[in-house]
Amino acid sequence: MRFVLVNDETPRKQFFCALCGDPIRAGYLREIGTQLCYCDPDCYADHCKSAIMALADFARASWIALASNRINERTEIELTAK
């Protein structure tokens, strides 16, 4: 992911951390793609970890659904062949 580290500046508007909700102060991170602000590098890293976990869970659920559909198709083929 790409981000900008902003030193010694605060945003013009009042922003809050996209992860923890704390007010943004001087020395924050802004993700380039989403323009979301994070209060410090730790919150940004936690956000990245949670995004990766969500993608992994989605992939796992998709794999299980695909395998279940294949089993159902095989069962239907066997039943119609009899």
N, C-alpha and C. Protein backbone atom coordinates (compact mmCIF):
# COMPACT_ATOMS: atom_id res chain seq x y z
N MET A 1 0.84 -1.18 0.00
CA MET A 1 0.00 0.00 0.00
C MET A 1 0.88 1.24 0.00
N ARG A 2 0.35 2.28 -0.55
CA ARG A 2 1.10 3.53 -0.63
C ARG A 2 0.51 4.53 0.35
N PHE A 3 1.38 5.26 1.05
CA PHE A 3 0.92 6.25 2.01
C PHE A 3 1.88 7.42 2.05
N VAL A 4 1.41 8.50 2.65
CA VAL A 4 2.21 9.70 2.85
C VAL A 4 2.30 9.93 4.35
N LEU A 5 3.51 10.13 4.85
CA LEU A 5 3.71 10.49 6.25
C LEU A 5 3.77 12.01 6.32
N VAL A 6 2.86 12.59 7.08
CA VAL A 6 2.79 14.05 7.20
C VAL A 6 3.38 14.45 8.54
N ASN A 7 4.50 15.15 8.52
CA ASN A 7 5.17 15.58 9.75
C ASN A 7 4.81 17.01 10.11
N ASP A 8 4.59 17.23 11.38
CA ASP A 8 4.40 18.58 11.95
C ASP A 8 3.28 19.38 11.31
N GLU A 9 2.30 18.74 10.76
CA GLU A 9 1.15 19.44 10.22
C GLU A 9 -0.10 18.71 10.67
N THR A 10 -1.18 19.45 10.78
CA THR A 10 -2.48 18.85 11.04
C THR A 10 -3.38 19.15 9.85
N PRO A 11 -4.39 18.33 9.60
CA PRO A 11 -5.29 18.62 8.49
C PRO A 11 -6.07 19.91 8.74
N ARG A 12 -6.52 20.54 7.69
CA ARG A 12 -7.28 21.79 7.83
C ARG A 12 -8.61 21.54 8.54
N LYS A 13 -9.27 20.45 8.17
CA LYS A 13 -10.51 20.06 8.84
C LYS A 13 -10.16 19.14 10.00
N GLN A 14 -11.12 18.95 10.89
CA GLN A 14 -10.93 18.00 11.99
C GLN A 14 -11.15 16.59 11.45
N PHE A 15 -10.10 15.77 11.42
CA PHE A 15 -10.18 14.39 10.97
C PHE A 15 -9.95 13.46 12.15
N PHE A 16 -10.43 12.24 12.00
CA PHE A 16 -10.25 11.22 13.01
C PHE A 16 -9.61 10.00 12.37
N CYS A 17 -8.86 9.26 13.15
CA CYS A 17 -8.18 8.06 12.67
C CYS A 17 -9.21 7.07 12.14
N ALA A 18 -8.95 6.53 10.96
CA ALA A 18 -9.88 5.60 10.33
C ALA A 18 -9.98 4.29 11.10
N LEU A 19 -8.99 3.98 11.93
CA LEU A 19 -9.02 2.72 12.67
C LEU A 19 -9.51 2.90 14.11
N CYS A 20 -8.86 3.76 14.87
CA CYS A 20 -9.17 3.86 16.30
C CYS A 20 -10.12 5.01 16.64
N GLY A 21 -10.27 5.99 15.73
CA GLY A 21 -11.19 7.10 15.97
C GLY A 21 -10.61 8.27 16.75
N ASP A 22 -9.33 8.20 17.11
CA ASP A 22 -8.70 9.33 17.81
C ASP A 22 -8.56 10.51 16.87
N PRO A 23 -8.58 11.74 17.42
CA PRO A 23 -8.38 12.92 16.57
C PRO A 23 -6.99 12.89 15.94
N ILE A 24 -6.91 13.36 14.70
CA ILE A 24 -5.63 13.43 14.00
C ILE A 24 -4.87 14.66 14.49
N ARG A 25 -3.62 14.41 14.85
CA ARG A 25 -2.74 15.50 15.29
C ARG A 25 -1.55 15.56 14.33
N ALA A 26 -0.56 16.37 14.67
CA ALA A 26 0.64 16.48 13.84
C ALA A 26 1.34 15.13 13.76
N GLY A 27 1.84 14.80 12.59
CA GLY A 27 2.55 13.55 12.38
C GLY A 27 1.61 12.38 12.14
N TYR A 28 0.79 12.46 11.13
CA TYR A 28 -0.17 11.41 10.82
C TYR A 28 0.14 10.79 9.47
N LEU A 29 -0.54 9.69 9.14
CA LEU A 29 -0.38 9.04 7.84
C LEU A 29 -1.68 9.18 7.05
N ARG A 30 -1.53 9.38 5.76
CA ARG A 30 -2.69 9.42 4.87
C ARG A 30 -2.45 8.42 3.76
N GLU A 31 -3.38 7.46 3.60
CA GLU A 31 -3.26 6.48 2.53
C GLU A 31 -3.62 7.15 1.21
N ILE A 32 -2.78 6.99 0.21
CA ILE A 32 -2.95 7.70 -1.05
C ILE A 32 -4.21 7.26 -1.79
N GLY A 33 -4.42 5.95 -1.89
CA GLY A 33 -5.55 5.44 -2.67
C GLY A 33 -6.91 5.80 -2.10
N THR A 34 -7.06 5.75 -0.79
CA THR A 34 -8.36 5.98 -0.16
C THR A 34 -8.47 7.36 0.48
N GLN A 35 -7.36 8.04 0.68
CA GLN A 35 -7.29 9.33 1.38
C GLN A 35 -7.69 9.21 2.85
N LEU A 36 -7.69 7.99 3.40
CA LEU A 36 -7.98 7.81 4.82
C LEU A 36 -6.79 8.24 5.66
N CYS A 37 -7.07 8.81 6.83
CA CYS A 37 -6.02 9.26 7.74
C CYS A 37 -5.89 8.29 8.90
N TYR A 38 -4.66 8.09 9.34
CA TYR A 38 -4.35 7.24 10.50
C TYR A 38 -3.50 8.05 11.45
N CYS A 39 -3.74 7.91 12.75
CA CYS A 39 -3.07 8.76 13.73
C CYS A 39 -1.58 8.45 13.88
N ASP A 40 -1.19 7.20 13.59
CA ASP A 40 0.22 6.85 13.69
C ASP A 40 0.50 5.60 12.86
N PRO A 41 1.77 5.25 12.68
CA PRO A 41 2.11 4.07 11.88
C PRO A 41 1.54 2.76 12.43
N ASP A 42 1.36 2.68 13.76
CA ASP A 42 0.80 1.46 14.34
C ASP A 42 -0.65 1.22 13.90
N CYS A 43 -1.45 2.27 13.89
CA CYS A 43 -2.84 2.13 13.44
C CYS A 43 -2.89 1.75 11.96
N TYR A 44 -2.02 2.35 11.17
CA TYR A 44 -1.98 2.02 9.75
C TYR A 44 -1.60 0.55 9.56
N ALA A 45 -0.60 0.08 10.32
CA ALA A 45 -0.17 -1.32 10.21
C ALA A 45 -1.30 -2.25 10.65
N ASP A 46 -2.02 -1.90 11.71
CA ASP A 46 -3.15 -2.72 12.16
C ASP A 46 -4.25 -2.76 11.10
N HIS A 47 -4.47 -1.62 10.44
CA HIS A 47 -5.47 -1.58 9.36
C HIS A 47 -5.07 -2.53 8.24
N CYS A 48 -3.78 -2.53 7.87
CA CYS A 48 -3.31 -3.41 6.80
C CYS A 48 -3.47 -4.88 7.19
N LYS A 49 -3.16 -5.20 8.44
CA LYS A 49 -3.32 -6.58 8.90
C LYS A 49 -4.77 -7.01 8.86
N SER A 50 -5.68 -6.13 9.29
CA SER A 50 -7.10 -6.50 9.30
C SER A 50 -7.63 -6.63 7.87
N ALA A 51 -7.13 -5.82 6.96
CA ALA A 51 -7.55 -5.94 5.55
C ALA A 51 -7.09 -7.25 4.96
N ILE A 52 -5.88 -7.66 5.28
CA ILE A 52 -5.35 -8.93 4.78
C ILE A 52 -6.15 -10.09 5.35
N MET A 53 -6.49 -10.02 6.64
CA MET A 53 -7.29 -11.08 7.26
C MET A 53 -8.67 -11.16 6.63
N ALA A 54 -9.27 -10.02 6.32
CA ALA A 54 -10.59 -10.02 5.68
C ALA A 54 -10.52 -10.66 4.30
N LEU A 55 -9.48 -10.35 3.54
CA LEU A 55 -9.32 -10.96 2.22
C LEU A 55 -9.10 -12.46 2.33
N ALA A 56 -8.32 -12.88 3.31
CA ALA A 56 -8.08 -14.31 3.51
C ALA A 56 -9.38 -15.03 3.89
N ASP A 57 -10.17 -14.42 4.76
CA ASP A 57 -11.46 -15.03 5.13
C ASP A 57 -12.40 -15.12 3.94
N PHE A 58 -12.42 -14.08 3.12
CA PHE A 58 -13.27 -14.09 1.92
C PHE A 58 -12.83 -15.18 0.96
N ALA A 59 -11.52 -15.32 0.77
CA ALA A 59 -11.00 -16.35 -0.13
C ALA A 59 -11.34 -17.74 0.40
N ARG A 60 -11.21 -17.94 1.70
CA ARG A 60 -11.52 -19.23 2.31
C ARG A 60 -13.00 -19.56 2.12
N ALA A 61 -13.87 -18.59 2.35
CA ALA A 61 -15.31 -18.81 2.19
C ALA A 61 -15.65 -19.11 0.73
N SER A 62 -15.00 -18.44 -0.19
CA SER A 62 -15.23 -18.69 -1.62
C SER A 62 -14.80 -20.10 -1.99
N TRP A 63 -13.67 -20.53 -1.47
CA TRP A 63 -13.15 -21.87 -1.75
C TRP A 63 -14.12 -22.93 -1.23
N ILE A 64 -14.64 -22.73 -0.02
CA ILE A 64 -15.58 -23.69 0.57
C ILE A 64 -16.86 -23.74 -0.26
N ALA A 65 -17.36 -22.59 -0.68
CA ALA A 65 -18.58 -22.56 -1.49
C ALA A 65 -18.36 -23.25 -2.83
N LEU A 66 -17.21 -23.04 -3.44
CA LEU A 66 -16.90 -23.68 -4.72
C LEU A 66 -16.83 -25.19 -4.56
N ALA A 67 -16.17 -25.66 -3.50
CA ALA A 67 -16.07 -27.10 -3.26
C ALA A 67 -17.45 -27.69 -3.00
N SER A 68 -18.28 -26.99 -2.26
CA SER A 68 -19.65 -27.47 -1.96
C SER A 68 -20.47 -27.57 -3.24
N ASN A 69 -20.34 -26.60 -4.12
CA ASN A 69 -21.08 -26.64 -5.40
C ASN A 69 -20.63 -27.81 -6.26
N ARG A 70 -19.35 -28.09 -6.28
CA ARG A 70 -18.85 -29.22 -7.06
C ARG A 70 -19.37 -30.55 -6.52
N ILE A 71 -19.42 -30.68 -5.21
CA ILE A 71 -19.96 -31.91 -4.60
C ILE A 71 -21.44 -32.07 -4.96
N ASN A 72 -22.20 -30.97 -4.90
CA ASN A 72 -23.62 -31.02 -5.24
C ASN A 72 -23.82 -31.39 -6.71
N GLU A 73 -22.99 -30.86 -7.60
CA GLU A 73 -23.09 -31.19 -9.03
C GLU A 73 -22.81 -32.67 -9.27
N ARG A 74 -21.81 -33.19 -8.62
CA ARG A 74 -21.48 -34.61 -8.78
C ARG A 74 -22.62 -35.49 -8.28
N THR A 75 -23.22 -35.12 -7.16
CA THR A 75 -24.33 -35.89 -6.62
C THR A 75 -25.52 -35.87 -7.57
N GLU A 76 -25.81 -34.73 -8.15
CA GLU A 76 -26.91 -34.63 -9.10
C GLU A 76 -26.64 -35.46 -10.36
N ILE A 77 -25.43 -35.46 -10.84
CA ILE A 77 -25.07 -36.24 -12.02
C ILE A 77 -25.22 -37.73 -11.71
N GLU A 78 -24.77 -38.16 -10.54
CA GLU A 78 -24.88 -39.57 -10.17
C GLU A 78 -26.34 -39.99 -10.04
N LEU A 79 -27.18 -39.11 -9.48
CA LEU A 79 -28.59 -39.45 -9.30
C LEU A 79 -29.33 -39.52 -10.62
N THR A 80 -29.00 -38.65 -11.56
CA THR A 80 -29.68 -38.67 -12.86
C THR A 80 -29.19 -39.82 -13.72
N ALA A 81 -27.99 -40.33 -13.47
CA ALA A 81 -27.44 -41.42 -14.26
C ALA A 81 -28.08 -42.76 -13.88
N LYS A 82 -28.68 -42.84 -12.71
CA LYS A 82 -29.26 -44.11 -12.25
C LYS A 82 -30.61 -44.37 -12.78
